[in-house]
C-alpha cells in the first residue's frame, strides 16, 4: 500500500471531518466506537445467528404453515 500525504481540504471540497474521524462512530451512549469494536460486534452477531439458525428455520416453517392453513380456511369459507 502506498501512503501519500493528504492535504487539508475544506468543507466545500467534500470532506466534512478530519481523516482521524472517518473510522469512528458514535454509539448509543455517546461514546465513540472504533472500527475494531464494530468488527467484533459483527462477528458476535454472525455467531449468534449461526447458533440460532435452526430455531429461525423452525419459526419460519411454523409461520408458513399458519399462512397456508389460513389460506385454505378462507378458500373453504368462500365455497360455503
PDB file of N, CA and C in Angstrom:
ATOM      1  N   UNK A   1       0.843  -1.157   0.000  1.00  0.00           N
ATOM      2  CA  UNK A   1       0.000   0.000   0.000  1.00  0.00           C
ATOM      3  C   UNK A   1       0.898   1.233   0.000  1.00  0.00           C
ATOM      4  N   UNK A   2       0.610   2.142  -0.827  1.00  0.00           N
ATOM      5  CA  UNK A   2       1.404   3.359  -0.941  1.00  0.00           C
ATOM      6  C   UNK A   2       0.705   4.443  -0.140  1.00  0.00           C
ATOM      7  N   UNK A   3       1.463   5.033   0.775  1.00  0.00           N
ATOM      8  CA  UNK A   3       0.907   6.113   1.587  1.00  0.00           C
ATOM      9  C   UNK A   3       1.314   7.441   0.973  1.00  0.00           C
ATOM     10  N   UNK A   4       0.370   8.326   0.913  1.00  0.00           N
ATOM     11  CA  UNK A   4       0.701   9.649   0.402  1.00  0.00           C
ATOM     12  C   UNK A   4       0.223  10.689   1.399  1.00  0.00           C
ATOM     13  N   UNK A   5       0.851  11.820   1.348  1.00  0.00           N
ATOM     14  CA  UNK A   5       0.492  12.891   2.254  1.00  0.00           C
ATOM     15  C   UNK A   5      -0.823  13.512   1.794  1.00  0.00           C
ATOM     16  N   UNK A   6      -1.743  13.619   2.720  1.00  0.00           N
ATOM     17  CA  UNK A   6      -3.049  14.183   2.405  1.00  0.00           C
ATOM     18  C   UNK A   6      -3.082  15.617   2.871  1.00  0.00           C
ATOM     19  N   UNK A   7      -3.403  16.498   1.979  1.00  0.00           N
ATOM     20  CA  UNK A   7      -3.508  17.905   2.339  1.00  0.00           C
ATOM     21  C   UNK A   7      -4.841  18.197   2.991  1.00  0.00           C
ATOM     22  N   UNK A   8      -4.923  19.344   3.619  1.00  0.00           N
ATOM     23  CA  UNK A   8      -6.181  19.717   4.259  1.00  0.00           C
ATOM     24  C   UNK A   8      -7.160  20.204   3.207  1.00  0.00           C
ATOM     25  N   UNK A   9      -8.373  19.727   3.306  1.00  0.00           N
ATOM     26  CA  UNK A   9      -9.422  20.165   2.397  1.00  0.00           C
ATOM     27  C   UNK A   9     -10.536  20.787   3.215  1.00  0.00           C
ATOM     28  N   UNK A  10     -11.183  21.773   2.658  1.00  0.00           N
ATOM     29  CA  UNK A  10     -12.265  22.439   3.362  1.00  0.00           C
ATOM     30  C   UNK A  10     -13.595  21.737   3.142  1.00  0.00           C
ATOM     31  N   UNK A  11     -14.638  22.289   3.729  1.00  0.00           N
ATOM     32  CA  UNK A  11     -15.975  21.718   3.594  1.00  0.00           C
ATOM     33  C   UNK A  11     -16.460  21.745   2.153  1.00  0.00           C
ATOM     34  N   UNK A  12     -16.039  22.747   1.405  1.00  0.00           N
ATOM     35  CA  UNK A  12     -16.514  22.862   0.032  1.00  0.00           C
ATOM     36  C   UNK A  12     -15.933  21.781  -0.872  1.00  0.00           C
ATOM     37  N   UNK A  13     -14.888  21.102  -0.411  1.00  0.00           N
ATOM     38  CA  UNK A  13     -14.274  20.079  -1.241  1.00  0.00           C
ATOM     39  C   UNK A  13     -14.758  18.676  -0.883  1.00  0.00           C
ATOM     40  N   UNK A  14     -15.848  18.576  -0.148  1.00  0.00           N
ATOM     41  CA  UNK A  14     -16.470  17.284   0.102  1.00  0.00           C
ATOM     42  C   UNK A  14     -15.972  16.548   1.327  1.00  0.00           C
ATOM     43  N   UNK A  15     -15.193  17.163   2.172  1.00  0.00           N
ATOM     44  CA  UNK A  15     -14.693  16.463   3.349  1.00  0.00           C
ATOM     45  C   UNK A  15     -15.131  17.244   4.585  1.00  0.00           C
ATOM     46  N   UNK A  16     -16.079  16.687   5.339  1.00  0.00           N
ATOM     47  CA  UNK A  16     -16.623  17.392   6.486  1.00  0.00           C
ATOM     48  C   UNK A  16     -15.865  17.093   7.768  1.00  0.00           C
ATOM     49  N   UNK A  17     -15.170  15.938   7.834  1.00  0.00           N
ATOM     50  CA  UNK A  17     -14.479  15.532   9.043  1.00  0.00           C
ATOM     51  C   UNK A  17     -13.004  15.332   8.750  1.00  0.00           C
ATOM     52  N   UNK A  18     -12.162  15.547   9.729  1.00  0.00           N
ATOM     53  CA  UNK A  18     -10.749  15.258   9.538  1.00  0.00           C
ATOM     54  C   UNK A  18     -10.534  13.757   9.346  1.00  0.00           C
ATOM     55  N   UNK A  19      -9.411  13.331   8.752  1.00  0.00           N
ATOM     56  CA  UNK A  19      -9.180  11.919   8.460  1.00  0.00           C
ATOM     57  C   UNK A  19      -9.288  11.010   9.677  1.00  0.00           C
ATOM     58  N   UNK A  20      -8.909  11.476  10.866  1.00  0.00           N
ATOM     59  CA  UNK A  20      -8.949  10.628  12.057  1.00  0.00           C
ATOM     60  C   UNK A  20     -10.375  10.288  12.468  1.00  0.00           C
ATOM     61  N   UNK A  21     -11.340  11.067  12.076  1.00  0.00           N
ATOM     62  CA  UNK A  21     -12.721  10.836  12.483  1.00  0.00           C
ATOM     63  C   UNK A  21     -13.462   9.893  11.545  1.00  0.00           C
ATOM     64  N   UNK A  22     -12.870   9.535  10.428  1.00  0.00           N
ATOM     65  CA  UNK A  22     -13.591   8.720   9.448  1.00  0.00           C
ATOM     66  C   UNK A  22     -13.899   7.318   9.930  1.00  0.00           C
ATOM     67  N   UNK A  23     -13.043   6.706  10.760  1.00  0.00           N
ATOM     68  CA  UNK A  23     -13.244   5.315  11.143  1.00  0.00           C
ATOM     69  C   UNK A  23     -13.918   5.178  12.497  1.00  0.00           C
ATOM     70  N   UNK A  24     -14.482   6.222  13.029  1.00  0.00           N
ATOM     71  CA  UNK A  24     -15.138   6.152  14.331  1.00  0.00           C
ATOM     72  C   UNK A  24     -16.595   6.570  14.208  1.00  0.00           C
ATOM     73  N   UNK A  25     -17.445   5.930  15.027  1.00  0.00           N
ATOM     74  CA  UNK A  25     -18.860   6.255  15.021  1.00  0.00           C
ATOM     75  C   UNK A  25     -19.305   6.476  16.463  1.00  0.00           C
ATOM     76  N   UNK A  26     -20.325   7.281  16.662  1.00  0.00           N
ATOM     77  CA  UNK A  26     -20.868   7.481  17.993  1.00  0.00           C
ATOM     78  C   UNK A  26     -21.801   6.333  18.327  1.00  0.00           C
ATOM     79  N   UNK A  27     -21.672   5.795  19.527  1.00  0.00           N
ATOM     80  CA  UNK A  27     -22.566   4.749  19.994  1.00  0.00           C
ATOM     81  C   UNK A  27     -23.799   5.358  20.633  1.00  0.00           C
ATOM     82  N   UNK A  28     -24.680   4.510  21.174  1.00  0.00           N
ATOM     83  CA  UNK A  28     -25.906   4.988  21.803  1.00  0.00           C
ATOM     84  C   UNK A  28     -25.622   5.871  23.011  1.00  0.00           C
ATOM     85  N   UNK A  29     -24.624   5.508  23.776  1.00  0.00           N
ATOM     86  CA  UNK A  29     -24.334   6.254  24.997  1.00  0.00           C
ATOM     87  C   UNK A  29     -23.527   7.516  24.721  1.00  0.00           C
ATOM     88  N   UNK A  30     -23.210   7.791  23.473  1.00  0.00           N
ATOM     89  CA  UNK A  30     -22.437   8.966  23.137  1.00  0.00           C
ATOM     90  C   UNK A  30     -20.947   8.678  23.060  1.00  0.00           C
ATOM     91  N   UNK A  31     -20.522   7.465  23.463  1.00  0.00           N
ATOM     92  CA  UNK A  31     -19.115   7.097  23.370  1.00  0.00           C
ATOM     93  C   UNK A  31     -18.743   6.894  21.914  1.00  0.00           C
ATOM     94  N   UNK A  32     -17.488   7.053  21.624  1.00  0.00           N
ATOM     95  CA  UNK A  32     -17.004   6.809  20.268  1.00  0.00           C
ATOM     96  C   UNK A  32     -16.627   5.345  20.157  1.00  0.00           C
ATOM     97  N   UNK A  33     -17.170   4.667  19.148  1.00  0.00           N
ATOM     98  CA  UNK A  33     -16.926   3.251  18.941  1.00  0.00           C
ATOM     99  C   UNK A  33     -15.948   3.091  17.792  1.00  0.00           C
ATOM    100  N   UNK A  34     -14.889   2.354  18.008  1.00  0.00           N
ATOM    101  CA  UNK A  34     -13.860   2.214  16.984  1.00  0.00           C
ATOM    102  C   UNK A  34     -14.248   1.151  15.958  1.00  0.00           C
ATOM    103  N   UNK A  35     -13.534   1.135  14.867  1.00  0.00           N
ATOM    104  CA  UNK A  35     -13.764   0.161  13.801  1.00  0.00           C
ATOM    105  C   UNK A  35     -13.551  -1.262  14.318  1.00  0.00           C
ATOM    106  N   UNK A  36     -12.560  -1.456  15.184  1.00  0.00           N
ATOM    107  CA  UNK A  36     -12.287  -2.784  15.728  1.00  0.00           C
ATOM    108  C   UNK A  36     -13.451  -3.285  16.569  1.00  0.00           C
ATOM    109  N   UNK A  37     -14.053  -2.404  17.357  1.00  0.00           N
ATOM    110  CA  UNK A  37     -15.211  -2.801  18.155  1.00  0.00           C
ATOM    111  C   UNK A  37     -16.390  -3.155  17.263  1.00  0.00           C
ATOM    112  N   UNK A  38     -16.564  -2.416  16.175  1.00  0.00           N
ATOM    113  CA  UNK A  38     -17.651  -2.728  15.242  1.00  0.00           C
ATOM    114  C   UNK A  38     -17.430  -4.089  14.596  1.00  0.00           C
ATOM    115  N   UNK A  39     -16.187  -4.423  14.259  1.00  0.00           N
ATOM    116  CA  UNK A  39     -15.895  -5.726  13.655  1.00  0.00           C
ATOM    117  C   UNK A  39     -16.167  -6.838  14.660  1.00  0.00           C
ATOM    118  N   UNK A  40     -15.785  -6.636  15.923  1.00  0.00           N
ATOM    119  CA  UNK A  40     -16.039  -7.641  16.955  1.00  0.00           C
ATOM    120  C   UNK A  40     -17.537  -7.845  17.130  1.00  0.00           C
ATOM    121  N   UNK A  41     -18.303  -6.758  17.159  1.00  0.00           N
ATOM    122  CA  UNK A  41     -19.755  -6.876  17.286  1.00  0.00           C
ATOM    123  C   UNK A  41     -20.363  -7.609  16.092  1.00  0.00           C
ATOM    124  N   UNK A  42     -19.836  -7.367  14.904  1.00  0.00           N
ATOM    125  CA  UNK A  42     -20.325  -8.056  13.711  1.00  0.00           C
ATOM    126  C   UNK A  42     -20.044  -9.552  13.792  1.00  0.00           C
ATOM    127  N   UNK A  43     -18.850  -9.922  14.249  1.00  0.00           N
ATOM    128  CA  UNK A  43     -18.507 -11.345  14.391  1.00  0.00           C
ATOM    129  C   UNK A  43     -19.405 -12.008  15.432  1.00  0.00           C
ATOM    130  N   UNK A  44     -19.654 -11.337  16.549  1.00  0.00           N
ATOM    131  CA  UNK A  44     -20.541 -11.887  17.574  1.00  0.00           C
ATOM    132  C   UNK A  44     -21.951 -12.065  17.023  1.00  0.00           C
ATOM    133  N   UNK A  45     -22.432 -11.110  16.241  1.00  0.00           N
ATOM    134  CA  UNK A  45     -23.760 -11.227  15.639  1.00  0.00           C
ATOM    135  C   UNK A  45     -23.832 -12.420  14.700  1.00  0.00           C
ATOM    136  N   UNK A  46     -22.784 -12.636  13.901  1.00  0.00           N
ATOM    137  CA  UNK A  46     -22.761 -13.779  12.984  1.00  0.00           C
ATOM    138  C   UNK A  46     -22.782 -15.088  13.768  1.00  0.00           C
ATOM    139  N   UNK A  47     -22.039 -15.167  14.856  1.00  0.00           N
ATOM    140  CA  UNK A  47     -22.018 -16.377  15.676  1.00  0.00           C
ATOM    141  C   UNK A  47     -23.383 -16.644  16.287  1.00  0.00           C
ATOM    142  N   UNK A  48     -24.038 -15.610  16.798  1.00  0.00           N
ATOM    143  CA  UNK A  48     -25.367 -15.785  17.398  1.00  0.00           C
ATOM    144  C   UNK A  48     -26.368 -16.272  16.363  1.00  0.00           C
ATOM    145  N   UNK A  49     -26.357 -15.675  15.179  1.00  0.00           N
ATOM    146  CA  UNK A  49     -27.283 -16.101  14.126  1.00  0.00           C
ATOM    147  C   UNK A  49     -26.981 -17.528  13.692  1.00  0.00           C
ATOM    148  N   UNK A  50     -25.707 -17.900  13.608  1.00  0.00           N
ATOM    149  CA  UNK A  50     -25.345 -19.266  13.230  1.00  0.00           C
ATOM    150  C   UNK A  50     -25.852 -20.267  14.265  1.00  0.00           C
ATOM    151  N   UNK A  51     -25.766 -19.909  15.542  1.00  0.00           N
ATOM    152  CA  UNK A  51     -26.259 -20.803  16.591  1.00  0.00           C
ATOM    153  C   UNK A  51     -27.785 -20.922  16.584  1.00  0.00           C
ATOM    154  N   UNK A  52     -28.465 -19.839  16.220  1.00  0.00           N
ATOM    155  CA  UNK A  52     -29.928 -19.835  16.227  1.00  0.00           C
ATOM    156  C   UNK A  52     -30.541 -20.175  14.872  1.00  0.00           C
ATOM    157  N   UNK A  53     -29.729 -20.542  13.886  1.00  0.00           N
ATOM    158  CA  UNK A  53     -30.220 -20.737  12.525  1.00  0.00           C
ATOM    159  C   UNK A  53     -31.322 -21.791  12.458  1.00  0.00           C
ATOM    160  N   UNK A  54     -31.147 -22.926  13.148  1.00  0.00           N
ATOM    161  CA  UNK A  54     -32.173 -23.977  13.130  1.00  0.00           C
ATOM    162  C   UNK A  54     -33.461 -23.493  13.774  1.00  0.00           C
ATOM    163  N   UNK A  55     -33.342 -22.724  14.859  1.00  0.00           N
ATOM    164  CA  UNK A  55     -34.522 -22.189  15.527  1.00  0.00           C
ATOM    165  C   UNK A  55     -35.267 -21.214  14.615  1.00  0.00           C
ATOM    166  N   UNK A  56     -34.515 -20.391  13.890  1.00  0.00           N
ATOM    167  CA  UNK A  56     -35.130 -19.451  12.946  1.00  0.00           C
ATOM    168  C   UNK A  56     -35.862 -20.225  11.857  1.00  0.00           C
ATOM    169  N   UNK A  57     -35.263 -21.323  11.386  1.00  0.00           N
ATOM    170  CA  UNK A  57     -35.913 -22.151  10.370  1.00  0.00           C
ATOM    171  C   UNK A  57     -37.218 -22.747  10.872  1.00  0.00           C
ATOM    172  N   UNK A  58     -37.242 -23.190  12.133  1.00  0.00           N
ATOM    173  CA  UNK A  58     -38.464 -23.752  12.721  1.00  0.00           C
ATOM    174  C   UNK A  58     -39.543 -22.681  12.788  1.00  0.00           C
ATOM    175  N   UNK A  59     -39.179 -21.489  13.215  1.00  0.00           N
ATOM    176  CA  UNK A  59     -40.156 -20.396  13.309  1.00  0.00           C
ATOM    177  C   UNK A  59     -40.726 -20.070  11.932  1.00  0.00           C
ATOM    178  N   UNK A  60     -39.874 -20.035  10.909  1.00  0.00           N
ATOM    179  CA  UNK A  60     -40.350 -19.742   9.554  1.00  0.00           C
ATOM    180  C   UNK A  60     -41.283 -20.839   9.044  1.00  0.00           C
ATOM    181  N   UNK A  61     -40.962 -22.103   9.343  1.00  0.00           N
ATOM    182  CA  UNK A  61     -41.842 -23.197   8.909  1.00  0.00           C
ATOM    183  C   UNK A  61     -43.189 -23.126   9.600  1.00  0.00           C
ATOM    184  N   UNK A  62     -43.207 -22.793  10.889  1.00  0.00           N
ATOM    185  CA  UNK A  62     -44.477 -22.666  11.621  1.00  0.00           C
ATOM    186  C   UNK A  62     -45.291 -21.508  11.051  1.00  0.00           C
ATOM    187  N   UNK A  63     -44.627 -20.395  10.756  1.00  0.00           N
ATOM    188  CA  UNK A  63     -45.327 -19.241  10.184  1.00  0.00           C
ATOM    189  C   UNK A  63     -45.889 -19.583   8.808  1.00  0.00           C
ATOM    190  N   UNK A  64     -45.119 -20.287   7.982  1.00  0.00           N
ATOM    191  CA  UNK A  64     -45.605 -20.697   6.661  1.00  0.00           C
ATOM    192  C   UNK A  64     -46.788 -21.641   6.791  1.00  0.00           C
ATOM    193  N   UNK A  65     -46.713 -22.572   7.731  1.00  0.00           N
ATOM    194  CA  UNK A  65     -47.821 -23.491   7.971  1.00  0.00           C
ATOM    195  C   UNK A  65     -49.082 -22.721   8.353  1.00  0.00           C
ATOM    196  N   UNK A  66     -48.950 -21.727   9.239  1.00  0.00           N
ATOM    197  CA  UNK A  66     -50.100 -20.928   9.671  1.00  0.00           C
ATOM    198  C   UNK A  66     -50.704 -20.158   8.497  1.00  0.00           C
ATOM    199  N   UNK A  67     -49.865 -19.622   7.631  1.00  0.00           N
ATOM    200  CA  UNK A  67     -50.367 -18.878   6.472  1.00  0.00           C
ATOM    201  C   UNK A  67     -51.117 -19.803   5.522  1.00  0.00           C
ATOM    202  N   UNK A  68     -50.589 -20.988   5.265  1.00  0.00           N
ATOM    203  CA  UNK A  68     -51.253 -21.939   4.365  1.00  0.00           C
ATOM    204  C   UNK A  68     -52.576 -22.397   4.966  1.00  0.00           C
ATOM    205  N   UNK A  69     -52.602 -22.671   6.269  1.00  0.00           N
ATOM    206  CA  UNK A  69     -53.865 -23.067   6.927  1.00  0.00           C
ATOM    207  C   UNK A  69     -54.889 -21.955   6.799  1.00  0.00           C
ATOM    208  N   UNK A  70     -54.472 -20.715   6.994  1.00  0.00           N
ATOM    209  CA  UNK A  70     -55.400 -19.594   6.867  1.00  0.00           C
ATOM    210  C   UNK A  70     -55.924 -19.454   5.440  1.00  0.00           C
ATOM    211  N   UNK A  71     -55.052 -19.616   4.452  1.00  0.00           N
ATOM    212  CA  UNK A  71     -55.494 -19.513   3.062  1.00  0.00           C
ATOM    213  C   UNK A  71     -56.474 -20.621   2.701  1.00  0.00           C
ATOM    214  N   UNK A  72     -56.224 -21.832   3.153  1.00  0.00           N
ATOM    215  CA  UNK A  72     -57.155 -22.945   2.900  1.00  0.00           C
ATOM    216  C   UNK A  72     -58.479 -22.682   3.610  1.00  0.00           C
ATOM    217  N   UNK A  73     -58.417 -22.179   4.835  1.00  0.00           N
ATOM    218  CA  UNK A  73     -59.629 -21.838   5.580  1.00  0.00           C
ATOM    219  C   UNK A  73     -60.457 -20.798   4.827  1.00  0.00           C
ATOM    220  N   UNK A  74     -59.797 -19.736   4.320  1.00  0.00           N
ATOM    221  CA  UNK A  74     -60.528 -18.709   3.566  1.00  0.00           C
ATOM    222  C   UNK A  74     -61.112 -19.276   2.268  1.00  0.00           C
ATOM    223  N   UNK A  75     -60.369 -20.168   1.610  1.00  0.00           N
ATOM    224  CA  UNK A  75     -60.860 -20.805   0.383  1.00  0.00           C
ATOM    225  C   UNK A  75     -62.092 -21.640   0.677  1.00  0.00           C
ATOM    226  N   UNK A  76     -62.053 -22.447   1.731  1.00  0.00           N
ATOM    227  CA  UNK A  76     -63.215 -23.270   2.104  1.00  0.00           C
ATOM    228  C   UNK A  76     -64.378 -22.402   2.548  1.00  0.00           C
ATOM    229  N   UNK A  77     -64.092 -21.286   3.197  1.00  0.00           N
ATOM    230  CA  UNK A  77     -65.134 -20.381   3.651  1.00  0.00           C
ATOM    231  C   UNK A  77     -65.842 -19.738   2.467  1.00  0.00           C
ATOM    232  N   UNK A  78     -65.099 -19.447   1.396  1.00  0.00           N
ATOM    233  CA  UNK A  78     -65.722 -18.810   0.242  1.00  0.00           C
ATOM    234  C   UNK A  78     -66.610 -19.792  -0.539  1.00  0.00           C
ATOM    235  N   UNK A  79     -66.381 -21.088  -0.405  1.00  0.00           N
ATOM    236  CA  UNK A  79     -67.199 -22.087  -1.113  1.00  0.00           C
ATOM    237  C   UNK A  79     -68.517 -22.386  -0.390  1.00  0.00           C
ATOM    238  N   UNK A  80     -68.636 -21.978   0.859  1.00  0.00           N
ATOM    239  CA  UNK A  80     -69.859 -22.314   1.596  1.00  0.00           C
ATOM    240  C   UNK A  80     -70.813 -21.159   1.611  1.00  0.00           C
TER     241      UNK A  80
END
